[in-house]
Amino acid sequence: MPEAIAPRIKYFMAYKNGRAAGRISAHVAHNFNKFQNNKWGIFGWFECIDDPEVAAALLKRAEEQLVEWGMDAVIGPLKIGRAHV
């Protein structure tokens, strides 16, 4: 069996007026991408207060991170699990 490659994950928090306002993760499941023959980045663990600006900022930051890692598409929201690693 080929060796599994650990997923790459980064977590982000948003704050508004000094209080936590939301969170999101950006992750790359290398084995999933290899199996699917693609370069998809995944965002997940997404939640935020009822504020479109906070939501947009979190999604933008996750997308920026995935592009920085060389991904050419973003899918989600998904939480990374055993099926993706």
Protein backbone atom coordinates (compact mmCIF):
# COMPACT_ATOMS: atom_id res chain seq x y z
CA MET A 1 0.00 0.00 0.00
CA PRO A 2 1.41 3.46 -0.89
CA GLU A 3 2.41 5.72 1.94
CA ALA A 4 -0.24 8.25 2.96
CA ILE A 5 0.62 11.93 2.83
CA ALA A 6 -0.68 13.94 5.77
CA PRO A 7 -3.15 16.67 4.84
CA ARG A 8 -2.09 20.28 5.08
CA ILE A 9 -4.36 22.34 7.32
CA LYS A 10 -4.47 25.93 8.52
CA TYR A 11 -7.09 27.46 10.81
CA PHE A 12 -8.26 31.07 10.87
CA MET A 13 -10.30 33.12 13.34
CA ALA A 14 -12.14 36.37 12.73
CA TYR A 15 -12.64 38.98 15.41
CA LYS A 16 -15.00 41.92 15.54
CA ASN A 17 -14.89 44.53 18.28
CA GLY A 18 -12.39 42.40 20.19
CA ARG A 19 -14.64 39.32 20.24
CA ALA A 20 -14.46 36.07 18.31
CA ALA A 21 -16.75 36.41 15.29
CA GLY A 22 -16.02 33.31 13.21
CA ARG A 23 -13.68 30.54 12.15
CA ILE A 24 -12.71 28.61 9.06
CA SER A 25 -10.12 26.07 7.99
CA ALA A 26 -8.26 25.66 4.73
CA HIS A 27 -6.96 22.21 3.94
CA VAL A 28 -5.43 20.17 1.15
CA ALA A 29 -6.06 16.43 1.16
CA HIS A 30 -3.09 15.27 -0.93
CA ASN A 31 -4.16 11.63 -1.16
CA PHE A 32 -7.69 12.61 -2.19
CA ASN A 33 -6.33 14.95 -4.86
CA LYS A 34 -3.94 12.30 -6.14
CA PHE A 35 -6.76 9.75 -6.36
CA GLN A 36 -9.07 12.24 -8.11
CA ASN A 37 -6.25 13.67 -10.27
CA ASN A 38 -7.02 17.27 -9.32
CA LYS A 39 -5.74 20.19 -7.25
CA TRP A 40 -8.72 21.01 -5.06
CA GLY A 41 -8.45 22.96 -1.86
CA ILE A 42 -11.08 22.45 0.82
CA PHE A 43 -12.54 24.89 3.30
CA GLY A 44 -14.34 23.70 6.37
CA TRP A 45 -15.13 24.20 10.04
CA PHE A 46 -16.85 27.36 8.85
CA GLU A 47 -19.10 29.30 11.18
CA CYS A 48 -19.56 32.95 11.98
CA ILE A 49 -21.85 35.53 13.44
CA ASP A 50 -24.67 36.83 11.26
CA ASP A 51 -22.47 39.33 9.42
CA PRO A 52 -21.85 39.12 5.66
CA GLU A 53 -18.56 41.04 5.95
CA VAL A 54 -17.16 38.56 8.47
CA ALA A 55 -18.29 35.60 6.35
CA ALA A 56 -16.77 37.10 3.19
CA ALA A 57 -13.47 37.86 4.94
CA LEU A 58 -13.17 34.30 6.28
CA LEU A 59 -13.96 32.72 2.91
CA LYS A 60 -11.55 35.06 1.14
CA ARG A 61 -8.74 34.23 3.57
CA ALA A 62 -9.24 30.48 3.18
CA GLU A 63 -9.26 30.84 -0.62
CA GLU A 64 -6.09 32.95 -0.55
CA GLN A 65 -4.32 30.29 1.50
CA LEU A 66 -5.40 27.50 -0.84
CA VAL A 67 -4.23 29.45 -3.90
CA GLU A 68 -0.91 30.10 -2.13
CA TRP A 69 -0.58 26.32 -1.72
CA GLY A 70 -1.12 25.86 -5.48
CA MET A 71 -4.74 24.72 -5.55
CA ASP A 72 -6.78 25.59 -8.63
CA ALA A 73 -10.29 25.06 -7.21
CA VAL A 74 -11.95 25.47 -3.82
CA ILE A 75 -14.70 23.18 -2.53
CA GLY A 76 -16.60 23.14 0.71
CA PRO A 77 -17.70 23.43 3.31
CA LEU A 78 -16.33 20.04 4.31
CA LYS A 79 -14.62 18.89 7.43
CA ILE A 80 -11.57 16.83 6.68
CA GLY A 81 -12.05 13.23 7.67
CA ARG A 82 -10.59 9.79 7.11
CA ALA A 83 -12.06 9.65 3.60
CA HIS A 84 -9.99 12.68 2.58
CA VAL A 85 -6.63 11.70 3.97
